[in-house]
Amino acid sequence: QHLGAESKRNLPWTFSKENADFYIQTKGTNAGKVMREPSANSVGIKVDPGVLDANYAFYMFQNAEMQGAFKQMQKGTATPYITQADIDQAIMRLYSQ
């Protein structure tokens, strides 16, 4: 069960509620934190194994987190948050340079 319209996205990962390879926190002061286990405010990332290794993808996303790519995308004042589109955009910006 995937979220979003992956047919339009053409990226080697999808957002998944279950059986994800790793997770990204989407709400709160840690929005953008890449994790191996889910939290209440996280979205799962499921990697297409025919295109990208899940462990490599985890480290790609973690590198993006450490470089502040997700922090730049945060919205909201009382409760910061990022969207799935923000996650895609942050990764594409960082790795398409």
PDB file of N, CA and C in Angstrom:
ATOM      1  N   GLN A   1       0.846  -1.177   0.000  1.00  0.00           N
ATOM      2  CA  GLN A   1       0.000   0.000   0.000  1.00  0.00           C
ATOM      3  C   GLN A   1       0.889   1.236   0.000  1.00  0.00           C
ATOM      4  N   HIS A   2       0.920   1.926  -1.127  1.00  0.00           N
ATOM      5  CA  HIS A   2       1.783   3.083  -1.283  1.00  0.00           C
ATOM      6  C   HIS A   2       0.972   4.368  -1.248  1.00  0.00           C
ATOM      7  N   LEU A   3       1.593   5.412  -0.760  1.00  0.00           N
ATOM      8  CA  LEU A   3       0.972   6.726  -0.722  1.00  0.00           C
ATOM      9  C   LEU A   3       1.485   7.539  -1.899  1.00  0.00           C
ATOM     10  N   GLY A   4       0.670   8.416  -2.427  1.00  0.00           N
ATOM     11  CA  GLY A   4       1.124   9.301  -3.488  1.00  0.00           C
ATOM     12  C   GLY A   4       0.993   8.661  -4.859  1.00  0.00           C
ATOM     13  N   ALA A   5       1.344   9.425  -5.857  1.00  0.00           N
ATOM     14  CA  ALA A   5       1.223   8.967  -7.246  1.00  0.00           C
ATOM     15  C   ALA A   5       2.605   8.643  -7.786  1.00  0.00           C
ATOM     16  N   GLU A   6       3.081   7.445  -7.484  1.00  0.00           N
ATOM     17  CA  GLU A   6       4.447   7.108  -7.887  1.00  0.00           C
ATOM     18  C   GLU A   6       4.622   7.061  -9.395  1.00  0.00           C
ATOM     19  N   SER A   7       3.535   6.850 -10.153  1.00  0.00           N
ATOM     20  CA  SER A   7       3.661   6.809 -11.604  1.00  0.00           C
ATOM     21  C   SER A   7       4.140   8.155 -12.151  1.00  0.00           C
ATOM     22  N   LYS A   8       3.779   9.261 -11.509  1.00  0.00           N
ATOM     23  CA  LYS A   8       4.204  10.592 -11.937  1.00  0.00           C
ATOM     24  C   LYS A   8       5.604  10.913 -11.430  1.00  0.00           C
ATOM     25  N   ARG A   9       6.026  10.268 -10.384  1.00  0.00           N
ATOM     26  CA  ARG A   9       7.261  10.627  -9.702  1.00  0.00           C
ATOM     27  C   ARG A   9       8.489  10.098 -10.416  1.00  0.00           C
ATOM     28  N   ASN A  10       8.446   8.866 -10.896  1.00  0.00           N
ATOM     29  CA  ASN A  10       9.571   8.254 -11.593  1.00  0.00           C
ATOM     30  C   ASN A  10      10.862   8.283 -10.765  1.00  0.00           C
ATOM     31  N   LEU A  11      10.746   7.976  -9.471  1.00  0.00           N
ATOM     32  CA  LEU A  11      11.887   7.920  -8.564  1.00  0.00           C
ATOM     33  C   LEU A  11      12.038   6.489  -8.053  1.00  0.00           C
ATOM     34  N   PRO A  12      13.244   6.094  -7.642  1.00  0.00           N
ATOM     35  CA  PRO A  12      13.459   4.699  -7.213  1.00  0.00           C
ATOM     36  C   PRO A  12      12.998   4.405  -5.782  1.00  0.00           C
ATOM     37  N   TRP A  13      12.072   5.197  -5.254  1.00  0.00           N
ATOM     38  CA  TRP A  13      11.489   4.919  -3.941  1.00  0.00           C
ATOM     39  C   TRP A  13      10.042   5.395  -3.937  1.00  0.00           C
ATOM     40  N   THR A  14       9.276   4.820  -3.031  1.00  0.00           N
ATOM     41  CA  THR A  14       7.894   5.228  -2.817  1.00  0.00           C
ATOM     42  C   THR A  14       7.696   5.417  -1.324  1.00  0.00           C
ATOM     43  N   PHE A  15       6.620   6.071  -0.978  1.00  0.00           N
ATOM     44  CA  PHE A  15       6.256   6.245   0.422  1.00  0.00           C
ATOM     45  C   PHE A  15       5.307   5.120   0.786  1.00  0.00           C
ATOM     46  N   SER A  16       5.584   4.454   1.898  1.00  0.00           N
ATOM     47  CA  SER A  16       4.857   3.246   2.254  1.00  0.00           C
ATOM     48  C   SER A  16       4.442   3.266   3.716  1.00  0.00           C
ATOM     49  N   LYS A  17       3.219   2.804   3.983  1.00  0.00           N
ATOM     50  CA  LYS A  17       2.756   2.709   5.369  1.00  0.00           C
ATOM     51  C   LYS A  17       3.313   1.467   6.053  1.00  0.00           C
ATOM     52  N   GLU A  18       3.622   0.448   5.275  1.00  0.00           N
ATOM     53  CA  GLU A  18       4.125  -0.797   5.877  1.00  0.00           C
ATOM     54  C   GLU A  18       5.242  -1.384   5.021  1.00  0.00           C
ATOM     55  N   ASN A  19       6.050  -2.232   5.630  1.00  0.00           N
ATOM     56  CA  ASN A  19       7.179  -2.895   4.964  1.00  0.00           C
ATOM     57  C   ASN A  19       8.174  -1.911   4.355  1.00  0.00           C
ATOM     58  N   ALA A  20       8.385  -0.797   5.028  1.00  0.00           N
ATOM     59  CA  ALA A  20       9.332   0.203   4.533  1.00  0.00           C
ATOM     60  C   ALA A  20      10.764  -0.226   4.850  1.00  0.00           C
ATOM     61  N   ASP A  21      11.693   0.285   4.062  1.00  0.00           N
ATOM     62  CA  ASP A  21      13.115   0.004   4.296  1.00  0.00           C
ATOM     63  C   ASP A  21      13.690   0.907   5.381  1.00  0.00           C
ATOM     64  N   PHE A  22      13.169   2.129   5.477  1.00  0.00           N
ATOM     65  CA  PHE A  22      13.551   3.064   6.539  1.00  0.00           C
ATOM     66  C   PHE A  22      12.487   4.148   6.612  1.00  0.00           C
ATOM     67  N   TYR A  23      12.651   5.067   7.542  1.00  0.00           N
ATOM     68  CA  TYR A  23      11.603   6.048   7.841  1.00  0.00           C
ATOM     69  C   TYR A  23      12.195   7.441   7.977  1.00  0.00           C
ATOM     70  N   ILE A  24      11.351   8.446   7.727  1.00  0.00           N
ATOM     71  CA  ILE A  24      11.748   9.838   7.927  1.00  0.00           C
ATOM     72  C   ILE A  24      10.678  10.498   8.772  1.00  0.00           C
ATOM     73  N   GLN A  25      11.118  11.151   9.836  1.00  0.00           N
ATOM     74  CA  GLN A  25      10.179  11.871  10.678  1.00  0.00           C
ATOM     75  C   GLN A  25       9.695  13.100   9.910  1.00  0.00           C
ATOM     76  N   THR A  26       8.370  13.314   9.914  1.00  0.00           N
ATOM     77  CA  THR A  26       7.804  14.405   9.122  1.00  0.00           C
ATOM     78  C   THR A  26       7.285  15.572   9.952  1.00  0.00           C
ATOM     79  N   LYS A  27       7.110  15.382  11.265  1.00  0.00           N
ATOM     80  CA  LYS A  27       6.573  16.457  12.105  1.00  0.00           C
ATOM     81  C   LYS A  27       7.409  16.611  13.366  1.00  0.00           C
ATOM     82  N   GLY A  28       7.467  17.833  13.861  1.00  0.00           N
ATOM     83  CA  GLY A  28       8.163  18.112  15.106  1.00  0.00           C
ATOM     84  C   GLY A  28       9.546  18.684  14.886  1.00  0.00           C
ATOM     85  N   THR A  29      10.251  18.914  15.988  1.00  0.00           N
ATOM     86  CA  THR A  29      11.576  19.528  15.912  1.00  0.00           C
ATOM     87  C   THR A  29      12.591  18.652  15.186  1.00  0.00           C
ATOM     88  N   ASN A  30      12.323  17.347  15.104  1.00  0.00           N
ATOM     89  CA  ASN A  30      13.213  16.436  14.385  1.00  0.00           C
ATOM     90  C   ASN A  30      12.699  16.085  12.992  1.00  0.00           C
ATOM     91  N   ALA A  31      11.832  16.908  12.426  1.00  0.00           N
ATOM     92  CA  ALA A  31      11.334  16.656  11.066  1.00  0.00           C
ATOM     93  C   ALA A  31      12.526  16.559  10.121  1.00  0.00           C
ATOM     94  N   GLY A  32      12.591  15.469   9.367  1.00  0.00           N
ATOM     95  CA  GLY A  32      13.709  15.216   8.470  1.00  0.00           C
ATOM     96  C   GLY A  32      14.694  14.198   9.008  1.00  0.00           C
ATOM     97  N   LYS A  33      14.480  13.731  10.235  1.00  0.00           N
ATOM     98  CA  LYS A  33      15.375  12.729  10.830  1.00  0.00           C
ATOM     99  C   LYS A  33      15.141  11.377  10.144  1.00  0.00           C
ATOM    100  N   VAL A  34      16.221  10.755   9.686  1.00  0.00           N
ATOM    101  CA  VAL A  34      16.166   9.463   9.007  1.00  0.00           C
ATOM    102  C   VAL A  34      16.368   8.373  10.049  1.00  0.00           C
ATOM    103  N   MET A  35      15.472   7.379  10.057  1.00  0.00           N
ATOM    104  CA  MET A  35      15.470   6.355  11.109  1.00  0.00           C
ATOM    105  C   MET A  35      15.286   4.964  10.526  1.00  0.00           C
ATOM    106  N   ARG A  36      15.790   3.973  11.231  1.00  0.00           N
ATOM    107  CA  ARG A  36      15.582   2.571  10.830  1.00  0.00           C
ATOM    108  C   ARG A  36      14.212   2.058  11.273  1.00  0.00           C
ATOM    109  N   GLU A  37      13.696   2.613  12.379  1.00  0.00           N
ATOM    110  CA  GLU A  37      12.403   2.188  12.939  1.00  0.00           C
ATOM    111  C   GLU A  37      11.402   3.332  12.849  1.00  0.00           C
ATOM    112  N   PRO A  38      10.112   3.024  12.692  1.00  0.00           N
ATOM    113  CA  PRO A  38       9.110   4.083  12.588  1.00  0.00           C
ATOM    114  C   PRO A  38       8.859   4.777  13.916  1.00  0.00           C
ATOM    115  N   SER A  39       8.363   5.994  13.815  1.00  0.00           N
ATOM    116  CA  SER A  39       7.881   6.728  14.987  1.00  0.00           C
ATOM    117  C   SER A  39       6.472   7.199  14.656  1.00  0.00           C
ATOM    118  N   ALA A  40       5.815   7.806  15.633  1.00  0.00           N
ATOM    119  CA  ALA A  40       4.431   8.246  15.433  1.00  0.00           C
ATOM    120  C   ALA A  40       4.302   9.246  14.288  1.00  0.00           C
ATOM    121  N   ASN A  41       5.302  10.064  14.092  1.00  0.00           N
ATOM    122  CA  ASN A  41       5.237  11.109  13.063  1.00  0.00           C
ATOM    123  C   ASN A  41       6.219  10.858  11.931  1.00  0.00           C
ATOM    124  N   SER A  42       6.239   9.636  11.427  1.00  0.00           N
ATOM    125  CA  SER A  42       7.176   9.336  10.347  1.00  0.00           C
ATOM    126  C   SER A  42       6.453   8.738   9.150  1.00  0.00           C
ATOM    127  N   VAL A  43       7.135   8.774   8.022  1.00  0.00           N
ATOM    128  CA  VAL A  43       6.650   8.147   6.801  1.00  0.00           C
ATOM    129  C   VAL A  43       7.704   7.121   6.381  1.00  0.00           C
ATOM    130  N   GLY A  44       7.242   5.988   5.869  1.00  0.00           N
ATOM    131  CA  GLY A  44       8.156   4.949   5.418  1.00  0.00           C
ATOM    132  C   GLY A  44       8.637   5.185   4.003  1.00  0.00           C
ATOM    133  N   ILE A  45       9.867   4.787   3.750  1.00  0.00           N
ATOM    134  CA  ILE A  45      10.457   4.854   2.412  1.00  0.00           C
ATOM    135  C   ILE A  45      10.713   3.416   1.970  1.00  0.00           C
ATOM    136  N   LYS A  46      10.133   3.020   0.854  1.00  0.00           N
ATOM    137  CA  LYS A  46      10.334   1.693   0.270  1.00  0.00           C
ATOM    138  C   LYS A  46      11.122   1.887  -1.017  1.00  0.00           C
ATOM    139  N   VAL A  47      12.296   1.287  -1.083  1.00  0.00           N
ATOM    140  CA  VAL A  47      13.201   1.452  -2.212  1.00  0.00           C
ATOM    141  C   VAL A  47      12.967   0.351  -3.237  1.00  0.00           C
ATOM    142  N   ASP A  48      13.018   0.711  -4.513  1.00  0.00           N
ATOM    143  CA  ASP A  48      12.918  -0.269  -5.594  1.00  0.00           C
ATOM    144  C   ASP A  48      14.262  -0.992  -5.683  1.00  0.00           C
ATOM    145  N   PRO A  49      14.328  -2.278  -5.256  1.00  0.00           N
ATOM    146  CA  PRO A  49      15.615  -2.983  -5.200  1.00  0.00           C
ATOM    147  C   PRO A  49      16.237  -3.243  -6.571  1.00  0.00           C
ATOM    148  N   GLY A  50      15.450  -3.127  -7.626  1.00  0.00           N
ATOM    149  CA  GLY A  50      16.001  -3.293  -8.969  1.00  0.00           C
ATOM    150  C   GLY A  50      16.767  -2.076  -9.453  1.00  0.00           C
ATOM    151  N   VAL A  51      16.638  -0.969  -8.716  1.00  0.00           N
ATOM    152  CA  VAL A  51      17.262   0.291  -9.124  1.00  0.00           C
ATOM    153  C   VAL A  51      18.276   0.793  -8.098  1.00  0.00           C
ATOM    154  N   LEU A  52      17.946   0.601  -6.809  1.00  0.00           N
ATOM    155  CA  LEU A  52      18.754   1.198  -5.749  1.00  0.00           C
ATOM    156  C   LEU A  52      18.775   0.270  -4.535  1.00  0.00           C
ATOM    157  N   ASP A  53      19.940   0.075  -3.951  1.00  0.00           N
ATOM    158  CA  ASP A  53      20.069  -0.737  -2.746  1.00  0.00           C
ATOM    159  C   ASP A  53      19.491   0.036  -1.558  1.00  0.00           C
ATOM    160  N   ALA A  54      18.681  -0.634  -0.747  1.00  0.00           N
ATOM    161  CA  ALA A  54      18.009   0.030   0.377  1.00  0.00           C
ATOM    162  C   ALA A  54      18.999   0.601   1.389  1.00  0.00           C
ATOM    163  N   ASN A  55      20.087  -0.106   1.674  1.00  0.00           N
ATOM    164  CA  ASN A  55      21.081   0.409   2.622  1.00  0.00           C
ATOM    165  C   ASN A  55      21.789   1.635   2.059  1.00  0.00           C
ATOM    166  N   TYR A  56      22.094   1.616   0.771  1.00  0.00           N
ATOM    167  CA  TYR A  56      22.714   2.772   0.135  1.00  0.00           C
ATOM    168  C   TYR A  56      21.755   3.964   0.196  1.00  0.00           C
ATOM    169  N   ALA A  57      20.473   3.706  -0.092  1.00  0.00           N
ATOM    170  CA  ALA A  57      19.467   4.771  -0.046  1.00  0.00           C
ATOM    171  C   ALA A  57      19.368   5.356   1.365  1.00  0.00           C
ATOM    172  N   PHE A  58      19.399   4.489   2.391  1.00  0.00           N
ATOM    173  CA  PHE A  58      19.354   4.967   3.773  1.00  0.00           C
ATOM    174  C   PHE A  58      20.475   5.971   4.016  1.00  0.00           C
ATOM    175  N   TYR A  59      21.680   5.637   3.578  1.00  0.00           N
ATOM    176  CA  TYR A  59      22.813   6.526   3.799  1.00  0.00           C
ATOM    177  C   TYR A  59      22.734   7.784   2.930  1.00  0.00           C
ATOM    178  N   MET A  60      22.145   7.675   1.736  1.00  0.00           N
ATOM    179  CA  MET A  60      21.900   8.867   0.906  1.00  0.00           C
ATOM    180  C   MET A  60      20.987   9.844   1.641  1.00  0.00           C
ATOM    181  N   PHE A  61      19.888   9.305   2.178  1.00  0.00           N
ATOM    182  CA  PHE A  61      18.924  10.139   2.885  1.00  0.00           C
ATOM    183  C   PHE A  61      19.529  10.686   4.179  1.00  0.00           C
ATOM    184  N   GLN A  62      20.315   9.853   4.861  1.00  0.00           N
ATOM    185  CA  GLN A  62      20.960  10.300   6.098  1.00  0.00           C
ATOM    186  C   GLN A  62      21.967  11.418   5.796  1.00  0.00           C
ATOM    187  N   ASN A  63      22.694  11.296   4.708  1.00  0.00           N
ATOM    188  CA  ASN A  63      23.621  12.338   4.293  1.00  0.00           C
ATOM    189  C   ASN A  63      22.859  13.638   4.017  1.00  0.00           C
ATOM    190  N   ALA A  64      21.709  13.521   3.359  1.00  0.00           N
ATOM    191  CA  ALA A  64      20.881  14.703   3.094  1.00  0.00           C
ATOM    192  C   ALA A  64      20.454  15.357   4.404  1.00  0.00           C
ATOM    193  N   GLU A  65      20.078  14.526   5.370  1.00  0.00           N
ATOM    194  CA  GLU A  65      19.700  15.048   6.692  1.00  0.00           C
ATOM    195  C   GLU A  65      20.867  15.806   7.320  1.00  0.00           C
ATOM    196  N   MET A  66      22.053  15.205   7.301  1.00  0.00           N
ATOM    197  CA  MET A  66      23.223  15.816   7.943  1.00  0.00           C
ATOM    198  C   MET A  66      23.637  17.116   7.249  1.00  0.00           C
ATOM    199  N   GLN A  67      23.341  17.233   5.959  1.00  0.00           N
ATOM    200  CA  GLN A  67      23.669  18.459   5.225  1.00  0.00           C
ATOM    201  C   GLN A  67      22.584  19.528   5.366  1.00  0.00           C
ATOM    202  N   GLY A  68      21.508  19.201   6.088  1.00  0.00           N
ATOM    203  CA  GLY A  68      20.456  20.184   6.320  1.00  0.00           C
ATOM    204  C   GLY A  68      19.438  20.293   5.200  1.00  0.00           C
ATOM    205  N   ALA A  69      19.439  19.338   4.274  1.00  0.00           N
ATOM    206  CA  ALA A  69      18.529  19.407   3.124  1.00  0.00           C
ATOM    207  C   ALA A  69      17.059  19.386   3.537  1.00  0.00           C
ATOM    208  N   PHE A  70      16.722  18.619   4.568  1.00  0.00           N
ATOM    209  CA  PHE A  70      15.326  18.548   5.005  1.00  0.00           C
ATOM    210  C   PHE A  70      14.958  19.748   5.885  1.00  0.00           C
ATOM    211  N   LYS A  71      15.900  20.227   6.700  1.00  0.00           N
ATOM    212  CA  LYS A  71      15.653  21.402   7.548  1.00  0.00           C
ATOM    213  C   LYS A  71      15.265  22.606   6.688  1.00  0.00           C
ATOM    214  N   GLN A  72      15.925  22.744   5.536  1.00  0.00           N
ATOM    215  CA  GLN A  72      15.629  23.852   4.627  1.00  0.00           C
ATOM    216  C   GLN A  72      14.185  23.810   4.141  1.00  0.00           C
ATOM    217  N   MET A  73      13.589  22.629   4.117  1.00  0.00           N
ATOM    218  CA  MET A  73      12.239  22.455   3.582  1.00  0.00           C
ATOM    219  C   MET A  73      11.159  22.603   4.655  1.00  0.00           C
ATOM    220  N   GLN A  74      11.550  22.713   5.920  1.00  0.00           N
ATOM    221  CA  GLN A  74      10.556  22.749   7.000  1.00  0.00           C
ATOM    222  C   GLN A  74       9.617  23.936   6.878  1.00  0.00           C
ATOM    223  N   LYS A  75       8.360  23.660   7.200  1.00  0.00           N
ATOM    224  CA  LYS A  75       7.312  24.668   7.228  1.00  0.00           C
ATOM    225  C   LYS A  75       6.727  24.678   8.633  1.00  0.00           C
ATOM    226  N   GLY A  76       5.889  25.663   8.915  1.00  0.00           N
ATOM    227  CA  GLY A  76       5.225  25.708  10.216  1.00  0.00           C
ATOM    228  C   GLY A  76       6.075  26.397  11.262  1.00  0.00           C
ATOM    229  N   THR A  77       5.406  26.955  12.252  1.00  0.00           N
ATOM    230  CA  THR A  77       6.122  27.659  13.311  1.00  0.00           C
ATOM    231  C   THR A  77       6.021  26.904  14.630  1.00  0.00           C
ATOM    232  N   ALA A  78       4.817  26.660  15.101  1.00  0.00           N
ATOM    233  CA  ALA A  78       4.651  25.949  16.377  1.00  0.00           C
ATOM    234  C   ALA A  78       5.122  24.503  16.251  1.00  0.00           C
ATOM    235  N   THR A  79       4.742  23.858  15.183  1.00  0.00           N
ATOM    236  CA  THR A  79       5.162  22.479  14.927  1.00  0.00           C
ATOM    237  C   THR A  79       5.753  22.402  13.524  1.00  0.00           C
ATOM    238  N   PRO A  80       7.081  22.356  13.410  1.00  0.00           N
ATOM    239  CA  PRO A  80       7.700  22.236  12.085  1.00  0.00           C
ATOM    240  C   PRO A  80       7.302  20.923  11.418  1.00  0.00           C
ATOM    241  N   TYR A  81       7.197  20.937  10.100  1.00  0.00           N
ATOM    242  CA  TYR A  81       6.873  19.707   9.370  1.00  0.00           C
ATOM    243  C   TYR A  81       7.450  19.770   7.968  1.00  0.00           C
ATOM    244  N   ILE A  82       7.587  18.596   7.351  1.00  0.00           N
ATOM    245  CA  ILE A  82       7.949  18.487   5.945  1.00  0.00           C
ATOM    246  C   ILE A  82       6.963  17.528   5.294  1.00  0.00           C
ATOM    247  N   THR A  83       6.765  17.687   3.997  1.00  0.00           N
ATOM    248  CA  THR A  83       5.844  16.831   3.252  1.00  0.00           C
ATOM    249  C   THR A  83       6.621  15.788   2.453  1.00  0.00           C
ATOM    250  N   GLN A  84       5.898  14.832   1.904  1.00  0.00           N
ATOM    251  CA  GLN A  84       6.538  13.829   1.051  1.00  0.00           C
ATOM    252  C   GLN A  84       7.160  14.496  -0.172  1.00  0.00           C
ATOM    253  N   ALA A  85       6.485  15.489  -0.727  1.00  0.00           N
ATOM    254  CA  ALA A  85       7.042  16.218  -1.875  1.00  0.00           C
ATOM    255  C   ALA A  85       8.333  16.940  -1.476  1.00  0.00           C
ATOM    256  N   ASP A  86       8.385  17.464  -0.249  1.00  0.00           N
ATOM    257  CA  ASP A  86       9.611  18.112   0.242  1.00  0.00           C
ATOM    258  C   ASP A  86      10.763  17.120   0.292  1.00  0.00           C
ATOM    259  N   ILE A  87      10.474  15.907   0.742  1.00  0.00           N
ATOM    260  CA  ILE A  87      11.507  14.864   0.840  1.00  0.00           C
ATOM    261  C   ILE A  87      12.058  14.561  -0.549  1.00  0.00           C
ATOM    262  N   ASP A  88      11.167  14.315  -1.508  1.00  0.00           N
ATOM    263  CA  ASP A  88      11.599  14.051  -2.889  1.00  0.00           C
ATOM    264  C   ASP A  88      12.449  15.204  -3.416  1.00  0.00           C
ATOM    265  N   GLN A  89      11.956  16.415  -3.231  1.00  0.00           N
ATOM    266  CA  GLN A  89      12.635  17.597  -3.764  1.00  0.00           C
ATOM    267  C   GLN A  89      14.012  17.787  -3.131  1.00  0.00           C
ATOM    268  N   ALA A  90      14.108  17.584  -1.826  1.00  0.00           N
ATOM    269  CA  ALA A  90      15.390  17.751  -1.140  1.00  0.00           C
ATOM    270  C   ALA A  90      16.423  16.753  -1.661  1.00  0.00           C
ATOM    271  N   ILE A  91      16.007  15.503  -1.836  1.00  0.00           N
ATOM    272  CA  ILE A  91      16.939  14.479  -2.337  1.00  0.00           C
ATOM    273  C   ILE A  91      17.340  14.774  -3.770  1.00  0.00           C
ATOM    274  N   MET A  92      16.379  15.136  -4.604  1.00  0.00           N
ATOM    275  CA  MET A  92      16.688  15.414  -6.001  1.00  0.00           C
ATOM    276  C   MET A  92      17.610  16.637  -6.153  1.00  0.00           C
ATOM    277  N   ARG A  93      17.380  17.667  -5.347  1.00  0.00           N
ATOM    278  CA  ARG A  93      18.249  18.844  -5.387  1.00  0.00           C
ATOM    279  C   ARG A  93      19.682  18.485  -5.017  1.00  0.00           C
ATOM    280  N   LEU A  94      19.806  17.727  -3.936  1.00  0.00           N
ATOM    281  CA  LEU A  94      21.136  17.401  -3.418  1.00  0.00           C
ATOM    282  C   LEU A  94      21.925  16.519  -4.377  1.00  0.00           C
ATOM    283  N   TYR A  95      21.270  15.524  -4.976  1.00  0.00           N
ATOM    284  CA  TYR A  95      21.997  14.541  -5.780  1.00  0.00           C
ATOM    285  C   TYR A  95      21.933  14.780  -7.283  1.00  0.00           C
ATOM    286  N   SER A  96      21.312  15.854  -7.724  1.00  0.00           N
ATOM    287  CA  SER A  96      21.290  16.112  -9.165  1.00  0.00           C
ATOM    288  C   SER A  96      22.176  17.296  -9.536  1.00  0.00           C
ATOM    289  N   GLN A  97      23.008  17.722  -8.602  1.00  0.00           N
ATOM    290  CA  GLN A  97      23.913  18.837  -8.868  1.00  0.00           C
ATOM    291  C   GLN A  97      25.135  18.379  -9.619  1.00  0.00           C
TER     292      GLN A  97
END
